[in-house]
Amino acid sequence: MPIATVLAVSFGTLVIITVVIVLGISLTSGLTNTRDLLIDKASAAMESAENDLTELLNPAAYQTQYIAKAISEGQLDVNNREQLTDYLLAAVAGTPQISTLSFVGPNLQGMASNRDHQRIITFDESRDPVARLAIREISSQKKGSWGQLIYVPTLQETILSFREPVIRDGQFVGALIATITVTTVNNRMNAAQSLTNGKRFILYGNDHVLLQQGMNRPMNGLSVDNVVPKLEEIEDPILKEIWSEDRDELELLGNPTAFESHYLQINGNGYIFIYKHLDGYADKTFTIGYWIRDEDVSAELRRLAIAGIAGLVIMLLSAVVAIVIGRRISRPVLMLSDASRQISKLDFQAVKSLPRSRFTEVNEANDAYNAMLRGLTWFETYVPKSLVRKLMESGEAHSEERIVTVMFTDIAGFTPQAESMETEEVANFLNHHFELVTSCIEAEGGTVDKFIGDAVMAFWGAPEVQEDHAARACRAAMAIKQAIIADNEKRRDDGLPDVHMRIGIHTGPLVVGNIGAAGRLNYTVVGDTVNIAQRMEQYGKTLSPDQTDEVFTLMTDATYNAAPDTNATKIGDYQLKGRQDPVTIYQLT
């Protein structure tokens, strides 16, 4: 055989071997990536299902715990019917998923706020042996818990209930019970996007169904002993067979810490079940999960096989072209990557728009990036950058109760002053004033919650934990005072009147987190502490009606005790509007 032929064959063989090795590595990597993608998609679906349920149920528990704490600490007197009524109605109004919120005393007499009727209902269950047994059980508990599902014949509805014992001075004084209907749970979980070839479900124990996505919940046949439908009673032929003995565990999706999975053949079709067990929300375990047709997995594998065959055919021809094009594409891609890293730092002003590219895809990506940058630049105007950065660092935004410090600022006599100013002058004045105030607040790690006219509301202690939040607020108030004094010197040089401010500070418990509707949420604080802080600021009008000080700052004893090194003078005990007990007031000096 001629040497040229041998060399040609050898070279061709070497090329083929090289191509096969490269393609083999690509296919192996593709299989691994496909598996990882399936696991990621399943994990994300399970996390979404779990979050939908817990974010629906947990606020009911938070409300009962909040009211129980108010009773135990003496802020709420259970014998004061009017005060207890306000608390119960406010809790139901602020937590739409709660159907009823009841307080039951040891004598089984109590009152309940009802969402449907929006009023208080009184009741006496002292003759009900089941109620006596339930209150005895709750009184023996040290903390609240979710009870068993209960079917209420008069409502023709099954409910979930959170029971919180109320302890004051070491004595059991009653129980708070929040109920959520299964219909509410179904409506929330059904609102999730449906899968093309699958459904979401929630099982109560192993043999009862709390939710079938896309299916109407049967009302007939429910009873005290059968609070939700049994598996064999539902219409879904796929979910009925979930625990069939023919099921096969899926090691491909093996991730038992995140979820479990198995495969099942039903009527000649293959189905994959992914699910997770969730304890602590009833007397039985909830099983949250999805069933999906295996077509999605098969389609991914078929596409991978086709891609492998096509790659074997065109790999040699595309190698040279890919190198040339890759070098041209890599430059704008690197630019996009660098710009994206700048975006992650929230420094939108330092990021420049990306130039146009000859490649359509790259150009479309650059155009999309530039549009995103313009949108984020406007977004930055309305959302505090410091808050976004804190939430990115903490990774949390759920509602919870915290001890925080709240500050309110206000410009004294601003309304008559604004009447003599042009509209543009008012806007420029307020923008300048807010810049001075917010810079002092954010320098001490505070979060500006909102602007109310010429007033500013801010808080410390959330979303990040700040042990010295009260001291930070006091330092911010002193910084504001220095900033206003310096700014007034410039105003006097320009022939403008001085600016005088009032500041109110209070430290106490609040509910912090995402508050609002699904389409419009605010990370804010809610509770009586906000009201007291605002009243402290307003009380400055009473204590200093002519206000000779450029900044007059009042704080409660709660803030002073939390920041004992603060230089402050005790004013005295005063009765604030809407408060039963007097509040000790200090002036920050």
Protein backbone atom coordinates (compact mmCIF):
# COMPACT_ATOMS: atom_id res chain seq x y z
CA MET A 1 0.00 0.00 0.00
CA PRO A 2 1.45 3.39 -0.92
CA ILE A 3 2.79 5.41 1.97
CA ALA A 4 0.55 8.35 1.02
CA THR A 5 -2.49 6.16 1.34
CA VAL A 6 -1.30 4.89 4.71
CA LEU A 7 -0.69 8.41 5.91
CA ALA A 8 -4.07 9.55 4.60
CA VAL A 9 -5.84 6.64 6.27
CA SER A 10 -3.88 7.16 9.47
CA PHE A 11 -4.62 10.87 9.48
CA GLY A 12 -8.28 10.22 8.69
CA THR A 13 -8.44 7.65 11.48
CA LEU A 14 -6.79 10.07 13.88
CA VAL A 15 -9.27 12.77 12.95
CA ILE A 16 -12.20 10.34 13.39
CA ILE A 17 -10.90 9.17 16.77
CA THR A 18 -10.46 12.79 17.85
CA VAL A 19 -13.97 13.70 16.71
CA VAL A 20 -15.48 10.64 18.44
CA ILE A 21 -13.67 11.47 21.69
CA VAL A 22 -14.79 15.10 21.58
CA LEU A 23 -18.34 14.13 20.68
CA GLY A 24 -18.39 11.49 23.41
CA ILE A 25 -17.31 14.02 25.97
CA SER A 26 -19.98 16.43 24.68
CA LEU A 27 -22.71 13.79 24.87
CA THR A 28 -21.66 12.75 28.37
CA SER A 29 -21.61 16.38 29.46
CA GLY A 30 -24.98 16.89 27.77
CA LEU A 31 -26.49 13.95 29.64
CA THR A 32 -25.10 15.28 32.91
CA ASN A 33 -26.39 18.78 32.19
CA THR A 34 -29.80 17.39 31.22
CA ARG A 35 -29.99 15.47 34.48
CA ASP A 36 -28.88 18.55 36.46
CA LEU A 37 -31.45 20.67 34.62
CA LEU A 38 -34.22 18.22 35.45
CA ILE A 39 -33.15 18.20 39.10
CA ASP A 40 -33.01 22.01 39.16
CA LYS A 41 -36.46 22.29 37.57
CA ALA A 42 -37.90 19.74 40.00
CA SER A 43 -36.25 21.44 42.98
CA ALA A 44 -37.56 24.84 41.87
CA ALA A 45 -41.07 23.44 41.42
CA MET A 46 -40.99 21.84 44.88
CA GLU A 47 -39.64 25.00 46.49
CA SER A 48 -42.36 27.04 44.78
CA ALA A 49 -45.09 24.67 45.98
CA GLU A 50 -43.74 24.66 49.53
CA ASN A 51 -43.38 28.45 49.61
CA ASP A 52 -46.95 28.93 48.32
CA LEU A 53 -48.27 26.81 51.19
CA THR A 54 -46.06 28.11 54.00
CA GLU A 55 -46.49 31.75 52.96
CA LEU A 56 -50.23 31.19 53.16
CA LEU A 57 -50.24 29.45 56.56
CA ASN A 58 -47.38 31.09 58.47
CA PRO A 59 -48.88 34.62 58.67
CA ALA A 60 -51.88 33.15 60.54
CA ALA A 61 -49.48 31.74 63.13
CA TYR A 62 -47.56 35.03 63.30
CA GLN A 63 -50.77 36.97 64.00
CA THR A 64 -51.84 34.68 66.87
CA GLN A 65 -48.35 34.72 68.36
CA TYR A 66 -48.23 38.51 68.10
CA ILE A 67 -51.54 38.96 69.94
CA ALA A 68 -50.60 36.30 72.53
CA LYS A 69 -47.37 38.16 73.24
CA ALA A 70 -49.26 41.44 73.58
CA ILE A 71 -51.52 39.80 76.20
CA SER A 72 -48.66 38.14 78.07
CA GLU A 73 -46.69 41.41 78.22
CA GLY A 74 -49.70 43.38 79.41
CA GLN A 75 -50.15 45.47 76.27
CA LEU A 76 -53.57 43.89 75.72
CA ASP A 77 -56.11 43.20 78.48
CA VAL A 78 -58.36 40.25 77.67
CA ASN A 79 -60.98 41.68 80.01
CA ASN A 80 -61.13 44.86 77.95
CA ARG A 81 -63.68 43.78 75.35
CA GLU A 82 -63.26 46.87 73.17
CA GLN A 83 -59.48 46.54 73.03
CA LEU A 84 -59.61 42.79 72.35
CA THR A 85 -62.18 43.42 69.61
CA ASP A 86 -59.86 45.90 67.89
CA TYR A 87 -56.98 43.45 67.96
CA LEU A 88 -59.03 40.53 66.59
CA LEU A 89 -60.63 42.58 63.80
CA ALA A 90 -57.30 44.16 62.83
CA ALA A 91 -55.61 40.76 62.69
CA VAL A 92 -58.26 39.34 60.36
CA ALA A 93 -58.23 42.48 58.21
CA GLY A 94 -54.45 42.34 57.86
CA THR A 95 -54.30 38.61 57.11
CA PRO A 96 -56.80 37.83 54.32
CA GLN A 97 -56.30 34.08 54.53
CA ILE A 98 -57.64 33.89 58.09
CA SER A 99 -61.32 32.95 58.15
CA THR A 100 -61.86 33.42 61.89
CA LEU A 101 -59.65 34.43 64.80
CA SER A 102 -60.99 33.51 68.24
CA PHE A 103 -60.00 34.08 71.84
CA VAL A 104 -61.28 31.42 74.23
CA GLY A 105 -60.93 31.79 77.98
CA PRO A 106 -60.40 28.92 80.44
CA ASN A 107 -64.17 28.97 81.08
CA LEU A 108 -64.70 28.26 77.34
CA GLN A 109 -66.36 31.61 76.82
CA GLY A 110 -64.89 33.83 74.19
CA MET A 111 -65.22 35.98 71.13
CA ALA A 112 -64.25 35.59 67.47
CA SER A 113 -63.69 37.92 64.53
CA ASN A 114 -65.23 36.55 61.34
CA ARG A 115 -64.02 37.63 57.90
CA ASP A 116 -67.32 37.01 56.10
CA HIS A 117 -69.42 39.03 58.58
CA GLN A 118 -66.66 41.52 59.54
CA ARG A 119 -67.87 41.61 63.10
CA ILE A 120 -67.25 40.05 66.50
CA ILE A 121 -69.19 36.96 67.56
CA THR A 122 -69.39 35.88 71.20
CA PHE A 123 -69.85 32.26 72.20
CA ASP A 124 -70.02 29.87 75.15
CA GLU A 125 -68.71 26.33 74.62
CA SER A 126 -68.63 25.35 78.30
CA ARG A 127 -71.12 22.52 77.72
CA ASP A 128 -69.25 21.07 74.75
CA PRO A 129 -67.07 18.12 75.89
CA VAL A 130 -64.99 18.32 72.72
CA ALA A 131 -64.26 21.99 73.37
CA ARG A 132 -63.34 21.24 77.00
CA LEU A 133 -60.93 18.56 75.85
CA ALA A 134 -59.40 20.88 73.25
CA ILE A 135 -58.85 23.76 75.69
CA ARG A 136 -57.30 21.34 78.18
CA GLU A 137 -54.92 20.15 75.48
CA ILE A 138 -53.96 23.70 74.44
CA SER A 139 -53.41 24.78 78.07
CA SER A 140 -50.83 22.01 78.49
CA GLN A 141 -48.76 23.24 75.56
CA LYS A 142 -45.84 25.63 75.91
CA LYS A 143 -46.19 27.08 72.43
CA GLY A 144 -48.65 27.21 69.57
CA SER A 145 -49.18 24.45 67.04
CA TRP A 146 -51.36 23.48 64.11
CA GLY A 147 -54.17 21.10 65.01
CA GLN A 148 -55.88 18.40 63.04
CA LEU A 149 -58.10 19.23 60.07
CA ILE A 150 -61.71 19.72 61.18
CA TYR A 151 -64.88 19.53 59.13
CA VAL A 152 -67.49 22.13 60.16
CA PRO A 153 -70.96 20.86 59.11
CA THR A 154 -72.61 24.28 59.44
CA LEU A 155 -70.11 25.73 56.98
CA GLN A 156 -69.85 22.57 54.88
CA GLU A 157 -66.15 23.34 54.93
CA THR A 158 -62.91 21.83 56.26
CA ILE A 159 -60.56 24.10 58.17
CA LEU A 160 -56.97 24.22 59.34
CA SER A 161 -56.44 25.76 62.77
CA PHE A 162 -53.46 27.23 64.61
CA ARG A 163 -53.87 27.17 68.41
CA GLU A 164 -51.71 29.45 70.56
CA PRO A 165 -51.84 29.21 74.39
CA VAL A 166 -51.90 32.58 76.15
CA ILE A 167 -49.82 32.70 79.33
CA ARG A 168 -49.64 35.70 81.61
CA ASP A 169 -47.71 35.78 84.89
CA GLY A 170 -47.26 32.03 84.58
CA GLN A 171 -51.01 31.38 84.37
CA PHE A 172 -53.04 30.10 81.43
CA VAL A 173 -55.56 32.84 80.60
CA GLY A 174 -56.95 31.47 77.36
CA ALA A 175 -56.17 30.42 73.82
CA LEU A 176 -56.06 32.14 70.43
CA ILE A 177 -57.30 30.04 67.52
CA ALA A 178 -56.88 31.09 63.88
CA THR A 179 -58.67 29.10 61.18
CA ILE A 180 -58.04 28.88 57.45
CA THR A 181 -60.47 27.10 55.15
CA VAL A 182 -59.28 24.38 52.81
CA THR A 183 -61.03 26.33 50.04
CA THR A 184 -58.62 29.22 50.69
CA VAL A 185 -55.67 26.84 50.46
CA ASN A 186 -57.05 25.39 47.22
CA ASN A 187 -57.56 28.84 45.68
CA ARG A 188 -54.00 29.89 46.54
CA MET A 189 -52.37 26.69 45.31
CA ASN A 190 -54.54 26.54 42.17
CA ALA A 191 -53.38 30.02 41.25
CA ALA A 192 -49.95 28.61 40.43
CA GLN A 193 -49.14 28.13 36.75
CA SER A 194 -50.24 24.73 35.52
CA LEU A 195 -47.77 22.35 33.96
CA THR A 196 -48.34 21.34 30.34
CA ASN A 197 -48.29 17.62 31.11
CA GLY A 198 -48.74 17.56 34.87
CA LYS A 199 -50.59 18.70 37.97
CA ARG A 200 -49.73 19.91 41.46
CA PHE A 201 -51.18 18.09 44.46
CA ILE A 202 -51.13 18.10 48.27
CA LEU A 203 -51.88 14.94 50.22
CA TYR A 204 -53.11 14.86 53.81
CA GLY A 205 -51.37 11.81 55.18
CA ASN A 206 -50.90 9.11 52.56
CA ASP A 207 -54.50 8.42 51.67
CA HIS A 208 -56.36 11.78 51.63
CA VAL A 209 -56.19 14.64 49.13
CA LEU A 210 -56.08 18.25 50.26
CA LEU A 211 -55.51 19.71 46.77
CA GLN A 212 -55.68 18.67 43.12
CA GLN A 213 -54.64 21.47 40.81
CA GLY A 214 -57.24 22.19 38.17
CA MET A 215 -59.84 19.97 39.85
CA ASN A 216 -62.90 21.16 41.73
CA ARG A 217 -62.79 19.98 45.32
CA PRO A 218 -65.76 17.65 45.95
CA MET A 219 -68.01 18.85 48.75
CA ASN A 220 -70.27 15.81 48.87
CA GLY A 221 -69.18 12.98 51.11
CA LEU A 222 -67.17 15.14 53.52
CA SER A 223 -67.86 14.61 57.19
CA VAL A 224 -66.32 14.87 60.64
CA ASP A 225 -64.61 11.54 60.02
CA ASN A 226 -63.73 12.24 56.38
CA VAL A 227 -62.50 15.84 56.38
CA VAL A 228 -60.98 15.75 52.87
CA PRO A 229 -61.54 13.29 50.01
CA LYS A 230 -59.76 9.95 49.99
CA LEU A 231 -57.45 9.04 47.15
CA GLU A 232 -59.88 6.48 45.79
CA GLU A 233 -62.68 9.08 45.75
CA ILE A 234 -61.01 11.66 43.50
CA GLU A 235 -61.45 12.05 39.74
CA ASP A 236 -57.75 12.11 38.87
CA PRO A 237 -56.84 8.57 37.68
CA ILE A 238 -53.13 9.39 37.81
CA LEU A 239 -52.95 10.68 41.39
CA LYS A 240 -55.05 7.74 42.56
CA GLU A 241 -52.17 5.39 41.72
CA ILE A 242 -49.38 7.40 43.35
CA TRP A 243 -48.56 4.70 45.94
CA SER A 244 -48.99 1.76 43.58
CA GLU A 245 -46.75 -1.21 44.36
CA ASP A 246 -45.52 -1.11 40.74
CA ARG A 247 -43.72 2.19 41.24
CA ASP A 248 -39.98 2.42 40.63
CA GLU A 249 -37.70 4.78 42.52
CA LEU A 250 -35.90 7.24 40.24
CA GLU A 251 -32.19 7.29 40.98
CA LEU A 252 -31.72 9.65 38.03
CA LEU A 253 -33.50 12.32 40.06
CA GLY A 254 -31.99 11.16 43.32
CA ASN A 255 -31.96 14.16 45.66
CA PRO A 256 -33.67 12.94 48.83
CA THR A 257 -32.72 16.04 50.81
CA ALA A 258 -34.79 18.24 48.47
CA PHE A 259 -37.53 15.86 47.26
CA GLU A 260 -38.39 12.24 46.50
CA SER A 261 -39.41 10.80 43.14
CA HIS A 262 -40.62 7.62 41.49
CA TYR A 263 -41.81 6.39 38.10
CA LEU A 264 -45.09 4.64 37.35
CA GLN A 265 -46.73 3.12 34.26
CA ILE A 266 -50.48 3.84 34.11
CA ASN A 267 -52.61 2.66 31.18
CA GLY A 268 -49.56 2.35 28.95
CA ASN A 269 -48.24 5.85 29.70
CA GLY A 270 -45.28 6.75 31.89
CA TYR A 271 -45.56 9.25 34.75
CA ILE A 272 -43.03 10.78 37.10
CA PHE A 273 -44.05 11.77 40.64
CA ILE A 274 -41.89 14.27 42.55
CA TYR A 275 -42.91 15.14 46.09
CA LYS A 276 -41.77 16.34 49.48
CA HIS A 277 -43.13 15.69 52.98
CA LEU A 278 -43.96 18.71 55.13
CA ASP A 279 -44.63 18.31 58.86
CA GLY A 280 -45.94 20.69 61.49
CA TYR A 281 -49.03 22.13 59.78
CA ALA A 282 -51.58 19.50 60.83
CA ASP A 283 -51.79 16.28 62.82
CA LYS A 284 -50.70 14.40 59.70
CA THR A 285 -47.88 14.97 57.25
CA PHE A 286 -48.60 17.03 54.14
CA THR A 287 -47.11 15.63 50.94
CA ILE A 288 -46.58 18.40 48.38
CA GLY A 289 -45.71 17.43 44.85
CA TYR A 290 -46.37 17.13 41.13
CA TRP A 291 -47.04 14.36 38.69
CA ILE A 292 -45.85 14.86 35.12
CA ARG A 293 -45.83 12.81 31.92
CA ASP A 294 -42.40 11.42 31.16
CA GLU A 295 -42.66 13.00 27.70
CA ASP A 296 -40.75 16.02 28.97
CA VAL A 297 -37.76 13.87 29.97
CA SER A 298 -37.98 11.74 26.81
CA ALA A 299 -38.12 14.85 24.64
CA GLU A 300 -34.95 16.19 26.26
CA LEU A 301 -33.13 12.90 25.61
CA ARG A 302 -34.39 12.70 22.01
CA ARG A 303 -33.21 16.21 21.34
CA LEU A 304 -29.84 15.32 22.85
CA ALA A 305 -29.52 12.24 20.58
CA ILE A 306 -30.41 14.24 17.48
CA ALA A 307 -27.92 16.91 18.50
CA GLY A 308 -25.23 14.21 18.88
CA ILE A 309 -25.84 12.81 15.39
CA ALA A 310 -25.92 16.25 13.84
CA GLY A 311 -22.78 17.19 15.72
CA LEU A 312 -20.94 14.14 14.39
CA VAL A 313 -21.79 15.20 10.83
CA ILE A 314 -21.01 18.87 10.99
CA MET A 315 -18.33 19.02 13.70
CA LEU A 316 -15.39 18.91 11.27
CA LEU A 317 -16.91 21.53 8.99
CA SER A 318 -17.91 23.86 11.81
CA ALA A 319 -14.66 23.70 13.78
CA VAL A 320 -12.80 26.27 11.72
CA VAL A 321 -15.86 28.49 11.34
CA ALA A 322 -16.55 28.27 15.08
CA ILE A 323 -13.03 29.39 15.94
CA VAL A 324 -13.26 32.43 13.68
CA ILE A 325 -16.77 33.37 14.76
CA GLY A 326 -16.01 32.55 18.37
CA ARG A 327 -13.22 35.07 18.48
CA ARG A 328 -15.52 37.74 17.11
CA ILE A 329 -18.34 36.85 19.46
CA SER A 330 -16.19 36.44 22.56
CA ARG A 331 -15.33 40.13 22.69
CA PRO A 332 -18.93 41.47 22.98
CA VAL A 333 -19.84 38.56 25.26
CA LEU A 334 -17.03 39.49 27.61
CA MET A 335 -18.23 43.08 27.50
CA LEU A 336 -21.73 41.88 28.39
CA SER A 337 -20.34 39.74 31.23
CA ASP A 338 -18.31 42.64 32.66
CA ALA A 339 -21.29 44.97 32.43
CA SER A 340 -23.51 42.39 34.14
CA ARG A 341 -21.06 42.19 37.05
CA GLN A 342 -21.32 45.96 37.41
CA ILE A 343 -25.11 45.65 37.46
CA SER A 344 -24.84 43.17 40.35
CA LYS A 345 -23.11 45.94 42.34
CA LEU A 346 -26.19 48.18 41.79
CA ASP A 347 -23.92 50.91 40.45
CA PHE A 348 -26.13 51.78 37.48
CA GLN A 349 -24.62 55.20 36.88
CA ALA A 350 -21.15 53.71 36.33
CA VAL A 351 -22.38 51.20 33.72
CA LYS A 352 -22.26 52.27 30.08
CA SER A 353 -24.56 51.10 27.30
CA LEU A 354 -23.23 48.30 25.09
CA PRO A 355 -22.49 49.09 21.40
CA ARG A 356 -24.25 47.49 18.45
CA SER A 357 -22.85 44.24 17.02
CA ARG A 358 -22.83 42.69 13.55
CA PHE A 359 -24.21 39.45 14.96
CA THR A 360 -27.98 39.52 15.29
CA GLU A 361 -28.11 37.46 18.49
CA VAL A 362 -25.38 39.46 20.19
CA ASN A 363 -26.99 42.69 19.05
CA GLU A 364 -30.37 41.57 20.42
CA ALA A 365 -28.71 40.65 23.73
CA ASN A 366 -27.01 44.06 23.86
CA ASP A 367 -30.29 45.83 23.04
CA ALA A 368 -32.06 43.84 25.75
CA TYR A 369 -29.28 44.65 28.20
CA ASN A 370 -29.41 48.38 27.34
CA ALA A 371 -33.20 48.37 27.79
CA MET A 372 -32.76 46.62 31.13
CA LEU A 373 -30.15 49.18 32.19
CA ARG A 374 -32.50 52.07 31.37
CA GLY A 375 -35.28 50.38 33.32
CA LEU A 376 -33.02 49.70 36.32
CA THR A 377 -31.85 53.30 36.29
CA TRP A 378 -35.46 54.43 36.65
CA PHE A 379 -36.13 51.59 39.13
CA GLU A 380 -33.28 52.88 41.29
CA THR A 381 -35.08 56.22 41.53
CA TYR A 382 -38.09 54.68 43.26
CA VAL A 383 -36.59 51.79 45.27
CA PRO A 384 -33.90 52.54 47.88
CA LYS A 385 -30.62 51.05 46.70
CA SER A 386 -29.55 50.39 50.29
CA LEU A 387 -32.66 48.28 50.93
CA VAL A 388 -32.14 46.22 47.76
CA ARG A 389 -28.50 45.63 48.69
CA LYS A 390 -29.43 44.54 52.22
CA LEU A 391 -32.05 42.12 50.93
CA MET A 392 -29.54 40.73 48.42
CA GLU A 393 -27.04 40.17 51.23
CA SER A 394 -29.51 38.67 53.72
CA GLY A 395 -31.52 36.71 51.13
CA GLU A 396 -34.66 37.14 53.24
CA ALA A 397 -37.84 39.16 52.84
CA HIS A 398 -40.46 37.21 54.72
CA SER A 399 -42.66 38.82 57.33
CA GLU A 400 -41.56 38.44 60.93
CA GLU A 401 -41.71 40.25 64.25
CA ARG A 402 -38.63 42.20 65.28
CA ILE A 403 -37.59 44.81 67.81
CA VAL A 404 -36.72 47.82 65.70
CA THR A 405 -36.25 51.56 66.09
CA VAL A 406 -38.47 53.88 64.05
CA MET A 407 -37.81 57.56 63.26
CA PHE A 408 -40.19 60.22 61.95
CA THR A 409 -38.94 63.63 60.79
CA ASP A 410 -41.02 66.66 59.85
CA ILE A 411 -40.34 70.27 58.86
CA ALA A 412 -41.89 72.71 61.28
CA GLY A 413 -44.21 75.22 59.64
CA PHE A 414 -43.61 73.91 56.14
CA THR A 415 -47.20 74.29 54.90
CA PRO A 416 -47.42 78.11 55.23
CA GLN A 417 -43.86 78.41 53.97
CA ALA A 418 -44.70 76.38 50.84
CA GLU A 419 -47.72 78.55 50.05
CA SER A 420 -45.39 81.43 49.20
CA MET A 421 -43.18 79.30 46.95
CA GLU A 422 -43.52 78.29 43.32
CA THR A 423 -44.17 74.60 42.54
CA GLU A 424 -40.67 74.08 41.19
CA GLU A 425 -39.17 75.80 44.23
CA VAL A 426 -41.11 73.46 46.55
CA ALA A 427 -39.88 70.40 44.65
CA ASN A 428 -36.26 71.59 44.65
CA PHE A 429 -36.43 72.46 48.33
CA LEU A 430 -37.87 69.06 49.31
CA ASN A 431 -35.43 67.14 47.13
CA HIS A 432 -32.51 68.94 48.73
CA HIS A 433 -33.94 68.44 52.23
CA PHE A 434 -34.61 64.74 51.68
CA GLU A 435 -31.08 64.27 50.36
CA LEU A 436 -29.65 65.74 53.57
CA VAL A 437 -31.87 63.61 55.81
CA THR A 438 -31.59 60.30 53.94
CA SER A 439 -27.79 60.54 53.65
CA CYS A 440 -27.58 60.82 57.46
CA ILE A 441 -30.00 57.90 57.91
CA GLU A 442 -28.27 55.60 55.43
CA ALA A 443 -24.84 56.48 56.84
CA GLU A 444 -25.98 54.82 60.09
CA GLY A 445 -27.37 51.76 58.29
CA GLY A 446 -30.99 52.86 58.42
CA THR A 447 -33.68 52.12 55.85
CA VAL A 448 -35.80 54.98 54.49
CA ASP A 449 -39.32 53.55 54.41
CA LYS A 450 -41.26 56.36 52.78
CA PHE A 451 -41.65 60.11 52.25
CA ILE A 452 -44.95 61.56 53.49
CA GLY A 453 -45.29 65.13 52.28
CA ASP A 454 -42.31 66.83 53.92
CA ALA A 455 -41.88 64.01 56.45
CA VAL A 456 -39.51 61.05 56.35
CA MET A 457 -40.10 57.65 57.98
CA ALA A 458 -37.10 55.38 58.55
CA PHE A 459 -36.24 52.36 60.66
CA TRP A 460 -33.25 50.40 61.96
CA GLY A 461 -32.95 46.70 62.84
CA ALA A 462 -34.32 45.22 59.58
CA PRO A 463 -33.79 43.62 57.15
CA GLU A 464 -30.31 43.09 58.62
CA VAL A 465 -30.00 42.48 62.35
CA GLN A 466 -28.51 45.49 64.14
CA GLU A 467 -27.98 45.03 67.87
CA ASP A 468 -27.32 48.77 68.30
CA HIS A 469 -30.26 49.95 66.17
CA ALA A 470 -31.44 52.44 68.82
CA ALA A 471 -27.97 54.01 69.10
CA ARG A 472 -27.76 54.21 65.29
CA ALA A 473 -31.06 56.08 65.13
CA CYS A 474 -29.87 58.55 67.79
CA ARG A 475 -26.60 59.14 65.96
CA ALA A 476 -28.52 59.68 62.73
CA ALA A 477 -30.71 62.28 64.48
CA MET A 478 -27.61 64.13 65.69
CA ALA A 479 -26.13 63.98 62.18
CA ILE A 480 -29.35 65.41 60.76
CA LYS A 481 -29.16 68.23 63.27
CA GLN A 482 -25.60 69.08 62.24
CA ALA A 483 -26.55 68.89 58.55
CA ILE A 484 -29.54 71.24 59.06
CA ILE A 485 -27.42 73.70 61.05
CA ALA A 486 -24.79 73.79 58.28
CA ASP A 487 -27.46 74.09 55.61
CA ASN A 488 -29.18 76.95 57.47
CA GLU A 489 -25.92 78.92 57.45
CA LYS A 490 -25.91 78.72 53.63
CA ARG A 491 -29.60 79.64 53.51
CA ARG A 492 -29.01 82.73 55.63
CA ASP A 493 -26.18 83.78 53.30
CA ASP A 494 -28.68 83.46 50.41
CA GLY A 495 -31.31 85.47 52.27
CA LEU A 496 -33.55 82.48 52.90
CA PRO A 497 -35.32 81.63 56.17
CA ASP A 498 -33.98 78.89 58.45
CA VAL A 499 -35.42 75.38 58.36
CA HIS A 500 -36.64 73.93 61.67
CA MET A 501 -37.35 70.25 62.16
CA ARG A 502 -38.98 67.88 64.63
CA ILE A 503 -37.81 64.28 65.03
CA GLY A 504 -39.54 61.47 66.94
CA ILE A 505 -37.86 58.14 67.80
CA HIS A 506 -39.30 55.02 69.41
CA THR A 507 -38.07 51.43 69.85
CA GLY A 508 -40.41 48.45 70.03
CA PRO A 509 -41.79 45.32 68.38
CA LEU A 510 -43.05 45.49 64.79
CA VAL A 511 -43.97 43.16 61.98
CA VAL A 512 -41.37 43.68 59.24
CA GLY A 513 -41.36 42.22 55.73
CA ASN A 514 -43.24 42.32 52.46
CA ILE A 515 -46.61 43.96 53.02
CA GLY A 516 -49.15 44.59 50.27
CA ALA A 517 -50.90 42.88 47.40
CA ALA A 518 -49.35 40.27 45.13
CA GLY A 519 -48.72 42.79 42.35
CA ARG A 520 -47.46 45.62 44.59
CA LEU A 521 -45.39 44.81 47.69
CA ASN A 522 -43.52 47.14 50.01
CA TYR A 523 -40.80 46.07 52.41
CA THR A 524 -42.02 48.00 55.43
CA VAL A 525 -42.83 47.86 59.13
CA VAL A 526 -46.29 47.59 60.66
CA GLY A 527 -47.36 47.98 64.25
CA ASP A 528 -48.00 50.30 67.17
CA THR A 529 -44.33 51.26 67.39
CA VAL A 530 -44.75 53.27 64.17
CA ASN A 531 -47.69 55.17 65.68
CA ILE A 532 -45.76 56.01 68.84
CA ALA A 533 -42.74 57.27 66.87
CA GLN A 534 -44.98 59.55 64.80
CA ARG A 535 -46.77 60.83 67.91
CA MET A 536 -43.40 61.59 69.49
CA GLU A 537 -42.57 63.77 66.51
CA GLN A 538 -45.99 65.45 66.67
CA TYR A 539 -45.66 65.95 70.43
CA GLY A 540 -42.76 68.27 69.69
CA LYS A 541 -45.40 70.88 68.74
CA THR A 542 -46.74 70.71 72.30
CA LEU A 543 -43.40 70.74 74.12
CA SER A 544 -41.82 73.38 71.88
CA PRO A 545 -44.59 75.37 70.16
CA ASP A 546 -42.31 78.20 69.02
CA GLN A 547 -39.32 75.83 68.46
CA THR A 548 -36.21 77.91 68.76
CA ASP A 549 -34.02 74.82 68.24
CA GLU A 550 -33.22 74.11 64.62
CA VAL A 551 -33.84 70.39 65.25
CA PHE A 552 -36.00 69.30 68.20
CA THR A 553 -35.67 65.55 68.82
CA LEU A 554 -37.83 63.52 71.23
CA MET A 555 -37.46 59.85 72.10
CA THR A 556 -39.23 57.42 74.38
CA ASP A 557 -37.69 55.72 77.36
CA ALA A 558 -37.65 52.50 75.33
CA THR A 559 -35.14 54.06 72.93
CA TYR A 560 -33.18 55.71 75.72
CA ASN A 561 -32.90 52.41 77.62
CA ALA A 562 -31.76 50.65 74.43
CA ALA A 563 -29.08 53.32 73.86
CA PRO A 564 -28.01 54.34 77.40
CA ASP A 565 -24.87 56.15 76.24
CA THR A 566 -26.95 58.66 74.29
CA ASN A 567 -26.79 62.23 75.54
CA ALA A 568 -30.42 62.97 76.37
CA THR A 569 -32.41 64.89 78.98
CA LYS A 570 -35.51 63.50 80.64
CA ILE A 571 -38.53 65.73 79.97
CA GLY A 572 -41.10 63.81 82.00
CA ASP A 573 -44.06 61.46 81.72
CA TYR A 574 -46.76 62.46 79.22
CA GLN A 575 -50.01 60.99 78.00
CA LEU A 576 -49.90 60.41 74.24
CA LYS A 577 -53.04 60.33 72.15
CA GLY A 578 -54.47 56.83 71.89
CA ARG A 579 -52.29 55.46 74.73
CA GLN A 580 -53.64 54.34 78.10
CA ASP A 581 -50.36 54.54 79.99
CA PRO A 582 -48.11 57.62 80.11
CA VAL A 583 -44.85 57.56 78.17
CA THR A 584 -41.55 58.83 79.55
CA ILE A 585 -40.07 61.28 77.05
CA TYR A 586 -36.44 62.30 76.60
CA GLN A 587 -34.99 65.13 74.50
CA LEU A 588 -31.88 64.33 72.51
CA THR A 589 -29.29 67.03 73.13
